[in-house]
Amino acid sequence: RTIAISSGALDSLPHNGYVVTTIQGICGETHKAAYGAMG
């Protein structure tokens, strides 16, 4: 459980595939505008 939870933290830095796809590909936002809250 510790490893599972810990894997879902620093993985979401700006270069994460889900982060990039969601911010830019799906929502059409920029990292500058959207990543602060998402991070």
PDB file of all heavy atoms in Angstrom:
ATOM      1  N   ARG A   1       0.823  -1.210   0.000  1.00  0.00           N
ATOM      2  CA  ARG A   1       0.000   0.000   0.000  1.00  0.00           C
ATOM      3  C   ARG A   1       0.856   1.257   0.000  1.00  0.00           C
ATOM      4  O   ARG A   1       0.534   2.247  -0.663  1.00  0.00           O
ATOM      5  CB  ARG A   1      -0.943  -0.019   1.213  1.00  0.00           C
ATOM      6  CG  ARG A   1      -1.996   1.067   1.196  1.00  0.00           C
ATOM      7  CD  ARG A   1      -2.827   1.059  -0.077  1.00  0.00           C
ATOM      8  NE  ARG A   1      -3.277  -0.291  -0.405  1.00  0.00           N
ATOM      9  CZ  ARG A   1      -3.484  -0.710  -1.634  1.00  0.00           C
ATOM     10  NH1 ARG A   1      -3.287   0.093  -2.664  1.00  0.00           N
ATOM     11  NH2 ARG A   1      -3.884  -1.945  -1.871  1.00  0.00           N
ATOM     12  N   THR A   2       1.960   1.224   0.733  1.00  0.00           N
ATOM     13  CA  THR A   2       2.850   2.385   0.776  1.00  0.00           C
ATOM     14  C   THR A   2       3.437   2.669  -0.599  1.00  0.00           C
ATOM     15  O   THR A   2       3.480   3.824  -1.046  1.00  0.00           O
ATOM     16  CB  THR A   2       3.990   2.144   1.785  1.00  0.00           C
ATOM     17  OG1 THR A   2       3.440   1.907   3.081  1.00  0.00           O
ATOM     18  CG2 THR A   2       4.911   3.356   1.849  1.00  0.00           C
ATOM     19  N   ILE A   3       3.870   1.618  -1.277  1.00  0.00           N
ATOM     20  CA  ILE A   3       4.451   1.787  -2.605  1.00  0.00           C
ATOM     21  C   ILE A   3       3.408   2.279  -3.597  1.00  0.00           C
ATOM     22  O   ILE A   3       3.683   3.158  -4.420  1.00  0.00           O
ATOM     23  CB  ILE A   3       5.081   0.459  -3.074  1.00  0.00           C
ATOM     24  CG1 ILE A   3       6.414   0.236  -2.356  1.00  0.00           C
ATOM     25  CG2 ILE A   3       5.270   0.436  -4.591  1.00  0.00           C
ATOM     26  CD1 ILE A   3       7.076  -1.079  -2.664  1.00  0.00           C
ATOM     27  N   ALA A   4       2.199   1.734  -3.521  1.00  0.00           N
ATOM     28  CA  ALA A   4       1.147   2.169  -4.436  1.00  0.00           C
ATOM     29  C   ALA A   4       0.856   3.657  -4.266  1.00  0.00           C
ATOM     30  O   ALA A   4       0.795   4.415  -5.246  1.00  0.00           O
ATOM     31  CB  ALA A   4      -0.123   1.354  -4.201  1.00  0.00           C
ATOM     32  N   ILE A   5       0.688   4.094  -3.026  1.00  0.00           N
ATOM     33  CA  ILE A   5       0.386   5.508  -2.772  1.00  0.00           C
ATOM     34  C   ILE A   5       1.556   6.391  -3.164  1.00  0.00           C
ATOM     35  O   ILE A   5       1.375   7.447  -3.786  1.00  0.00           O
ATOM     36  CB  ILE A   5       0.020   5.717  -1.288  1.00  0.00           C
ATOM     37  CG1 ILE A   5      -1.257   4.941  -0.938  1.00  0.00           C
ATOM     38  CG2 ILE A   5      -0.165   7.201  -0.983  1.00  0.00           C
ATOM     39  CD1 ILE A   5      -1.589   4.940   0.550  1.00  0.00           C
ATOM     40  N   SER A   6       2.771   5.962  -2.825  1.00  0.00           N
ATOM     41  CA  SER A   6       3.943   6.794  -3.127  1.00  0.00           C
ATOM     42  C   SER A   6       4.181   6.922  -4.626  1.00  0.00           C
ATOM     43  O   SER A   6       4.692   7.940  -5.095  1.00  0.00           O
ATOM     44  CB  SER A   6       5.190   6.209  -2.451  1.00  0.00           C
ATOM     45  OG  SER A   6       5.517   4.927  -2.975  1.00  0.00           O
ATOM     46  N   SER A   7       3.792   5.906  -5.389  1.00  0.00           N
ATOM     47  CA  SER A   7       3.998   5.977  -6.841  1.00  0.00           C
ATOM     48  C   SER A   7       3.110   7.026  -7.486  1.00  0.00           C
ATOM     49  O   SER A   7       3.411   7.518  -8.579  1.00  0.00           O
ATOM     50  CB  SER A   7       3.722   4.605  -7.476  1.00  0.00           C
ATOM     51  OG  SER A   7       2.329   4.313  -7.475  1.00  0.00           O
ATOM     52  N   GLY A   8       2.005   7.389  -6.804  1.00  0.00           N
ATOM     53  CA  GLY A   8       1.071   8.345  -7.373  1.00  0.00           C
ATOM     54  C   GLY A   8       1.294   9.763  -6.920  1.00  0.00           C
ATOM     55  O   GLY A   8       0.339  10.542  -6.861  1.00  0.00           O
ATOM     56  N   ALA A   9       2.518  10.117  -6.586  1.00  0.00           N
ATOM     57  CA  ALA A   9       2.814  11.479  -6.130  1.00  0.00           C
ATOM     58  C   ALA A   9       3.746  12.192  -7.112  1.00  0.00           C
ATOM     59  O   ALA A   9       3.305  12.943  -7.976  1.00  0.00           O
ATOM     60  CB  ALA A   9       3.414  11.436  -4.729  1.00  0.00           C
ATOM     61  N   LEU A  10       5.051  11.934  -6.992  1.00  0.00           N
ATOM     62  CA  LEU A  10       6.019  12.618  -7.864  1.00  0.00           C
ATOM     63  C   LEU A  10       5.901  12.184  -9.325  1.00  0.00           C
ATOM     64  O   LEU A  10       6.496  12.808 -10.205  1.00  0.00           O
ATOM     65  CB  LEU A  10       7.447  12.377  -7.365  1.00  0.00           C
ATOM     66  CG  LEU A  10       7.793  12.963  -5.997  1.00  0.00           C
ATOM     67  CD1 LEU A  10       9.265  12.730  -5.680  1.00  0.00           C
ATOM     68  CD2 LEU A  10       7.471  14.453  -5.929  1.00  0.00           C
ATOM     69  N   ASP A  11       5.143  11.117  -9.572  1.00  0.00           N
ATOM     70  CA  ASP A  11       4.939  10.719 -10.969  1.00  0.00           C
ATOM     71  C   ASP A  11       4.211  11.805 -11.749  1.00  0.00           C
ATOM     72  O   ASP A  11       4.344  11.900 -12.969  1.00  0.00           O
ATOM     73  CB  ASP A  11       4.121   9.427 -11.034  1.00  0.00           C
ATOM     74  CG  ASP A  11       2.659   9.667 -10.674  1.00  0.00           C
ATOM     75  OD1 ASP A  11       2.411  10.185  -9.571  1.00  0.00           O
ATOM     76  OD2 ASP A  11       1.788   9.347 -11.486  1.00  0.00           O
ATOM     77  N   SER A  12       3.425  12.635 -11.047  1.00  0.00           N
ATOM     78  CA  SER A  12       2.592  13.633 -11.723  1.00  0.00           C
ATOM     79  C   SER A  12       3.301  14.958 -11.924  1.00  0.00           C
ATOM     80  O   SER A  12       2.670  16.016 -11.967  1.00  0.00           O
ATOM     81  CB  SER A  12       1.297  13.850 -10.929  1.00  0.00           C
ATOM     82  OG  SER A  12       0.546  12.658 -10.866  1.00  0.00           O
ATOM     83  N   LEU A  13       4.618  14.914 -12.055  1.00  0.00           N
ATOM     84  CA  LEU A  13       5.362  16.106 -12.450  1.00  0.00           C
ATOM     85  C   LEU A  13       4.968  16.463 -13.892  1.00  0.00           C
ATOM     86  O   LEU A  13       4.303  15.672 -14.571  1.00  0.00           O
ATOM     87  CB  LEU A  13       6.863  15.840 -12.327  1.00  0.00           C
ATOM     88  CG  LEU A  13       7.377  15.647 -10.883  1.00  0.00           C
ATOM     89  CD1 LEU A  13       8.857  15.253 -10.890  1.00  0.00           C
ATOM     90  CD2 LEU A  13       7.152  16.891 -10.043  1.00  0.00           C
ATOM     91  N   PRO A  14       5.354  17.643 -14.378  1.00  0.00           N
ATOM     92  CA  PRO A  14       4.825  18.123 -15.669  1.00  0.00           C
ATOM     93  C   PRO A  14       5.017  17.197 -16.861  1.00  0.00           C
ATOM     94  O   PRO A  14       4.269  17.277 -17.834  1.00  0.00           O
ATOM     95  CB  PRO A  14       5.585  19.444 -15.877  1.00  0.00           C
ATOM     96  CG  PRO A  14       5.901  19.918 -14.501  1.00  0.00           C
ATOM     97  CD  PRO A  14       6.180  18.674 -13.709  1.00  0.00           C
ATOM     98  N   HIS A  15       6.014  16.296 -16.816  1.00  0.00           N
ATOM     99  CA  HIS A  15       6.287  15.455 -17.982  1.00  0.00           C
ATOM    100  C   HIS A  15       5.479  14.161 -17.989  1.00  0.00           C
ATOM    101  O   HIS A  15       5.598  13.363 -18.925  1.00  0.00           O
ATOM    102  CB  HIS A  15       7.782  15.115 -18.049  1.00  0.00           C
ATOM    103  CG  HIS A  15       8.299  14.363 -16.852  1.00  0.00           C
ATOM    104  ND1 HIS A  15       8.342  14.913 -15.592  1.00  0.00           N
ATOM    105  CD2 HIS A  15       8.798  13.107 -16.720  1.00  0.00           C
ATOM    106  CE1 HIS A  15       8.857  14.044 -14.747  1.00  0.00           C
ATOM    107  NE2 HIS A  15       9.135  12.933 -15.404  1.00  0.00           N
ATOM    108  N   ASN A  16       4.646  13.934 -16.983  1.00  0.00           N
ATOM    109  CA  ASN A  16       3.826  12.723 -16.920  1.00  0.00           C
ATOM    110  C   ASN A  16       2.878  12.641 -18.113  1.00  0.00           C
ATOM    111  O   ASN A  16       2.281  13.634 -18.523  1.00  0.00           O
ATOM    112  CB  ASN A  16       3.034  12.731 -15.601  1.00  0.00           C
ATOM    113  CG  ASN A  16       1.998  11.625 -15.534  1.00  0.00           C
ATOM    114  OD1 ASN A  16       0.859  11.846 -15.912  1.00  0.00           O
ATOM    115  ND2 ASN A  16       2.392  10.470 -15.085  1.00  0.00           N
ATOM    116  N   GLY A  17       2.722  11.435 -18.664  1.00  0.00           N
ATOM    117  CA  GLY A  17       1.901  11.259 -19.861  1.00  0.00           C
ATOM    118  C   GLY A  17       0.454  11.649 -19.657  1.00  0.00           C
ATOM    119  O   GLY A  17      -0.159  12.303 -20.513  1.00  0.00           O
ATOM    120  N   TYR A  18      -0.130  11.270 -18.516  1.00  0.00           N
ATOM    121  CA  TYR A  18      -1.513  11.638 -18.236  1.00  0.00           C
ATOM    122  C   TYR A  18      -1.658  13.152 -18.092  1.00  0.00           C
ATOM    123  O   TYR A  18      -2.627  13.741 -18.577  1.00  0.00           O
ATOM    124  CB  TYR A  18      -1.987  10.947 -16.957  1.00  0.00           C
ATOM    125  CG  TYR A  18      -3.341  11.424 -16.478  1.00  0.00           C
ATOM    126  CD1 TYR A  18      -4.517  10.880 -16.994  1.00  0.00           C
ATOM    127  CD2 TYR A  18      -3.443  12.440 -15.517  1.00  0.00           C
ATOM    128  CE1 TYR A  18      -5.761  11.327 -16.567  1.00  0.00           C
ATOM    129  CE2 TYR A  18      -4.686  12.888 -15.089  1.00  0.00           C
ATOM    130  CZ  TYR A  18      -5.842  12.331 -15.613  1.00  0.00           C
ATOM    131  OH  TYR A  18      -7.063  12.787 -15.199  1.00  0.00           O
ATOM    132  N   VAL A  19      -0.700  13.771 -17.412  1.00  0.00           N
ATOM    133  CA  VAL A  19      -0.741  15.229 -17.210  1.00  0.00           C
ATOM    134  C   VAL A  19      -0.706  15.949 -18.547  1.00  0.00           C
ATOM    135  O   VAL A  19      -1.509  16.860 -18.810  1.00  0.00           O
ATOM    136  CB  VAL A  19       0.433  15.686 -16.314  1.00  0.00           C
ATOM    137  CG1 VAL A  19       0.528  17.214 -16.291  1.00  0.00           C
ATOM    138  CG2 VAL A  19       0.272  15.135 -14.904  1.00  0.00           C
ATOM    139  N   VAL A  20       0.225  15.552 -19.411  1.00  0.00           N
ATOM    140  CA  VAL A  20       0.357  16.194 -20.726  1.00  0.00           C
ATOM    141  C   VAL A  20      -0.910  15.988 -21.553  1.00  0.00           C
ATOM    142  O   VAL A  20      -1.442  16.922 -22.155  1.00  0.00           O
ATOM    143  CB  VAL A  20       1.578  15.640 -21.486  1.00  0.00           C
ATOM    144  CG1 VAL A  20       1.623  16.180 -22.909  1.00  0.00           C
ATOM    145  CG2 VAL A  20       2.862  15.995 -20.748  1.00  0.00           C
ATOM    146  N   THR A  21      -1.401  14.746 -21.589  1.00  0.00           N
ATOM    147  CA  THR A  21      -2.583  14.435 -22.393  1.00  0.00           C
ATOM    148  C   THR A  21      -3.804  15.198 -21.892  1.00  0.00           C
ATOM    149  O   THR A  21      -4.578  15.751 -22.687  1.00  0.00           O
ATOM    150  CB  THR A  21      -2.867  12.925 -22.372  1.00  0.00           C
ATOM    151  OG1 THR A  21      -1.733  12.222 -22.890  1.00  0.00           O
ATOM    152  CG2 THR A  21      -4.087  12.585 -23.204  1.00  0.00           C
ATOM    153  N   THR A  22      -4.000  15.227 -20.575  1.00  0.00           N
ATOM    154  CA  THR A  22      -5.185  15.875 -20.020  1.00  0.00           C
ATOM    155  C   THR A  22      -5.149  17.389 -20.194  1.00  0.00           C
ATOM    156  O   THR A  22      -6.130  17.998 -20.631  1.00  0.00           O
ATOM    157  CB  THR A  22      -5.344  15.525 -18.524  1.00  0.00           C
ATOM    158  OG1 THR A  22      -5.434  14.104 -18.387  1.00  0.00           O
ATOM    159  CG2 THR A  22      -6.590  16.163 -17.946  1.00  0.00           C
ATOM    160  N   ILE A  23      -4.018  18.004 -19.850  1.00  0.00           N
ATOM    161  CA  ILE A  23      -3.927  19.467 -19.934  1.00  0.00           C
ATOM    162  C   ILE A  23      -3.973  19.951 -21.373  1.00  0.00           C
ATOM    163  O   ILE A  23      -4.780  20.825 -21.732  1.00  0.00           O
ATOM    164  CB  ILE A  23      -2.649  19.977 -19.243  1.00  0.00           C
ATOM    165  CG1 ILE A  23      -2.751  19.788 -17.722  1.00  0.00           C
ATOM    166  CG2 ILE A  23      -2.412  21.460 -19.565  1.00  0.00           C
ATOM    167  CD1 ILE A  23      -1.524  20.243 -16.961  1.00  0.00           C
ATOM    168  N   GLN A  24      -3.118  19.379 -22.218  1.00  0.00           N
ATOM    169  CA  GLN A  24      -2.974  19.894 -23.581  1.00  0.00           C
ATOM    170  C   GLN A  24      -3.903  19.199 -24.571  1.00  0.00           C
ATOM    171  O   GLN A  24      -4.608  19.871 -25.339  1.00  0.00           O
ATOM    172  CB  GLN A  24      -1.519  19.745 -24.034  1.00  0.00           C
ATOM    173  CG  GLN A  24      -0.533  20.522 -23.177  1.00  0.00           C
ATOM    174  CD  GLN A  24       0.906  20.366 -23.667  1.00  0.00           C
ATOM    175  OE1 GLN A  24       1.169  19.885 -24.765  1.00  0.00           O
ATOM    176  NE2 GLN A  24       1.860  20.767 -22.837  1.00  0.00           N
ATOM    177  N   GLY A  25      -3.909  17.855 -24.552  1.00  0.00           N
ATOM    178  CA  GLY A  25      -4.643  17.124 -25.571  1.00  0.00           C
ATOM    179  C   GLY A  25      -6.144  17.142 -25.391  1.00  0.00           C
ATOM    180  O   GLY A  25      -6.893  17.241 -26.369  1.00  0.00           O
ATOM    181  N   ILE A  26      -6.612  17.066 -24.153  1.00  0.00           N
ATOM    182  CA  ILE A  26      -8.049  16.988 -23.894  1.00  0.00           C
ATOM    183  C   ILE A  26      -8.650  18.350 -23.589  1.00  0.00           C
ATOM    184  O   ILE A  26      -9.653  18.747 -24.187  1.00  0.00           O
ATOM    185  CB  ILE A  26      -8.338  16.013 -22.736  1.00  0.00           C
ATOM    186  CG1 ILE A  26      -7.874  14.604 -23.102  1.00  0.00           C
ATOM    187  CG2 ILE A  26      -9.834  16.013 -22.394  1.00  0.00           C
ATOM    188  CD1 ILE A  26      -8.005  13.598 -21.971  1.00  0.00           C
ATOM    189  N   CYS A  27      -8.027  19.076 -22.658  1.00  0.00           N
ATOM    190  CA  CYS A  27      -8.605  20.345 -22.199  1.00  0.00           C
ATOM    191  C   CYS A  27      -8.137  21.555 -22.995  1.00  0.00           C
ATOM    192  O   CYS A  27      -8.717  22.637 -22.854  1.00  0.00           O
ATOM    193  CB  CYS A  27      -8.294  20.551 -20.717  1.00  0.00           C
ATOM    194  SG  CYS A  27      -8.982  19.250 -19.644  1.00  0.00           S
ATOM    195  N   GLY A  28      -7.094  21.409 -23.795  1.00  0.00           N
ATOM    196  CA  GLY A  28      -6.622  22.521 -24.606  1.00  0.00           C
ATOM    197  C   GLY A  28      -6.051  23.673 -23.800  1.00  0.00           C
ATOM    198  O   GLY A  28      -6.079  24.837 -24.225  1.00  0.00           O
ATOM    199  N   GLU A  29      -5.491  23.377 -22.639  1.00  0.00           N
ATOM    200  CA  GLU A  29      -4.884  24.409 -21.806  1.00  0.00           C
ATOM    201  C   GLU A  29      -3.361  24.348 -21.938  1.00  0.00           C
ATOM    202  O   GLU A  29      -2.811  23.449 -22.573  1.00  0.00           O
ATOM    203  CB  GLU A  29      -5.283  24.198 -20.337  1.00  0.00           C
ATOM    204  CG  GLU A  29      -6.776  24.196 -20.070  1.00  0.00           C
ATOM    205  CD  GLU A  29      -7.414  25.541 -20.335  1.00  0.00           C
ATOM    206  OE1 GLU A  29      -6.731  26.583 -20.213  1.00  0.00           O
ATOM    207  OE2 GLU A  29      -8.621  25.573 -20.650  1.00  0.00           O
ATOM    208  N   THR A  30      -2.688  25.295 -21.312  1.00  0.00           N
ATOM    209  CA  THR A  30      -1.230  25.273 -21.256  1.00  0.00           C
ATOM    210  C   THR A  30      -0.796  24.828 -19.864  1.00  0.00           C
ATOM    211  O   THR A  30      -1.543  24.984 -18.885  1.00  0.00           O
ATOM    212  CB  THR A  30      -0.643  26.667 -21.544  1.00  0.00           C
ATOM    213  OG1 THR A  30      -1.054  27.573 -20.498  1.00  0.00           O
ATOM    214  CG2 THR A  30      -1.128  27.185 -22.893  1.00  0.00           C
ATOM    215  N   HIS A  31       0.414  24.299 -19.789  1.00  0.00           N
ATOM    216  CA  HIS A  31       0.944  23.920 -18.476  1.00  0.00           C
ATOM    217  C   HIS A  31       1.031  25.138 -17.560  1.00  0.00           C
ATOM    218  O   HIS A  31       0.781  25.043 -16.358  1.00  0.00           O
ATOM    219  CB  HIS A  31       2.333  23.288 -18.644  1.00  0.00           C
ATOM    220  CG  HIS A  31       2.287  21.797 -18.805  1.00  0.00           C
ATOM    221  ND1 HIS A  31       1.646  21.187 -19.860  1.00  0.00           N
ATOM    222  CD2 HIS A  31       2.798  20.789 -18.042  1.00  0.00           C
ATOM    223  CE1 HIS A  31       1.768  19.861 -19.746  1.00  0.00           C
ATOM    224  NE2 HIS A  31       2.467  19.602 -18.649  1.00  0.00           N
ATOM    225  N   LYS A  32       1.389  26.282 -18.122  1.00  0.00           N
ATOM    226  CA  LYS A  32       1.531  27.496 -17.317  1.00  0.00           C
ATOM    227  C   LYS A  32       0.225  27.856 -16.623  1.00  0.00           C
ATOM    228  O   LYS A  32       0.210  28.271 -15.459  1.00  0.00           O
ATOM    229  CB  LYS A  32       1.994  28.656 -18.204  1.00  0.00           C
ATOM    230  CG  LYS A  32       2.214  29.960 -17.442  1.00  0.00           C
ATOM    231  CD  LYS A  32       2.707  31.051 -18.370  1.00  0.00           C
ATOM    232  CE  LYS A  32       2.929  32.357 -17.609  1.00  0.00           C
ATOM    233  NZ  LYS A  32       3.393  33.442 -18.520  1.00  0.00           N
ATOM    234  N   ALA A  33      -0.897  27.683 -17.323  1.00  0.00           N
ATOM    235  CA  ALA A  33      -2.195  28.059 -16.769  1.00  0.00           C
ATOM    236  C   ALA A  33      -2.774  26.990 -15.848  1.00  0.00           C
ATOM    237  O   ALA A  33      -3.359  27.308 -14.810  1.00  0.00           O
ATOM    238  CB  ALA A  33      -3.182  28.358 -17.901  1.00  0.00           C
ATOM    239  N   ALA A  34      -2.604  25.722 -16.223  1.00  0.00           N
ATOM    240  CA  ALA A  34      -3.351  24.661 -15.550  1.00  0.00           C
ATOM    241  C   ALA A  34      -2.540  23.809 -14.585  1.00  0.00           C
ATOM    242  O   ALA A  34      -3.121  23.184 -13.692  1.00  0.00           O
ATOM    243  CB  ALA A  34      -4.005  23.754 -16.592  1.00  0.00           C
ATOM    244  N   TYR A  35      -1.205  23.763 -14.748  1.00  0.00           N
ATOM    245  CA  TYR A  35      -0.464  22.777 -13.962  1.00  0.00           C
ATOM    246  C   TYR A  35      -0.383  23.125 -12.477  1.00  0.00           C
ATOM    247  O   TYR A  35      -0.284  22.226 -11.643  1.00  0.00           O
ATOM    248  CB  TYR A  35       0.949  22.564 -14.508  1.00  0.00           C
ATOM    249  CG  TYR A  35       1.671  21.476 -13.744  1.00  0.00           C
ATOM    250  CD1 TYR A  35       1.312  20.142 -13.903  1.00  0.00           C
ATOM    251  CD2 TYR A  35       2.636  21.788 -12.786  1.00  0.00           C
ATOM    252  CE1 TYR A  35       1.919  19.138 -13.160  1.00  0.00           C
ATOM    253  CE2 TYR A  35       3.253  20.789 -12.045  1.00  0.00           C
ATOM    254  CZ  TYR A  35       2.895  19.463 -12.230  1.00  0.00           C
ATOM    255  OH  TYR A  35       3.489  18.480 -11.481  1.00  0.00           O
ATOM    256  N   GLY A  36      -0.422  24.400 -12.105  1.00  0.00           N
ATOM    257  CA  GLY A  36      -0.321  24.759 -10.693  1.00  0.00           C
ATOM    258  C   GLY A  36      -1.357  24.047  -9.848  1.00  0.00           C
ATOM    259  O   GLY A  36      -1.030  23.395  -8.844  1.00  0.00           O
ATOM    260  N   ALA A  37      -2.618  24.158 -10.243  1.00  0.00           N
ATOM    261  CA  ALA A  37      -3.696  23.496  -9.498  1.00  0.00           C
ATOM    262  C   ALA A  37      -3.601  21.989  -9.629  1.00  0.00           C
ATOM    263  O   ALA A  37      -3.818  21.249  -8.649  1.00  0.00           O
ATOM    264  CB  ALA A  37      -5.048  23.988 -10.000  1.00  0.00           C
ATOM    265  N   MET A  38      -3.281  21.513 -10.832  1.00  0.00           N
ATOM    266  CA  MET A  38      -3.192  20.068 -11.041  1.00  0.00           C
ATOM    267  C   MET A  38      -2.052  19.470 -10.222  1.00  0.00           C
ATOM    268  O   MET A  38      -2.198  18.401  -9.615  1.00  0.00           O
ATOM    269  CB  MET A  38      -2.991  19.769 -12.523  1.00  0.00           C
ATOM    270  CG  MET A  38      -3.220  18.320 -12.897  1.00  0.00           C
ATOM    271  SD  MET A  38      -3.104  18.078 -14.677  1.00  0.00           S
ATOM    272  CE  MET A  38      -3.771  16.434 -14.853  1.00  0.00           C
ATOM    273  N   GLY A  39      -0.918  20.158 -10.187  1.00  0.00           N
ATOM    274  CA  GLY A  39       0.204  19.673  -9.398  1.00  0.00           C
ATOM    275  C   GLY A  39      -0.098  19.640  -7.915  1.00  0.00           C
ATOM    276  O   GLY A  39       0.346  18.737  -7.194  1.00  0.00           O
TER     277      GLY A  39
END
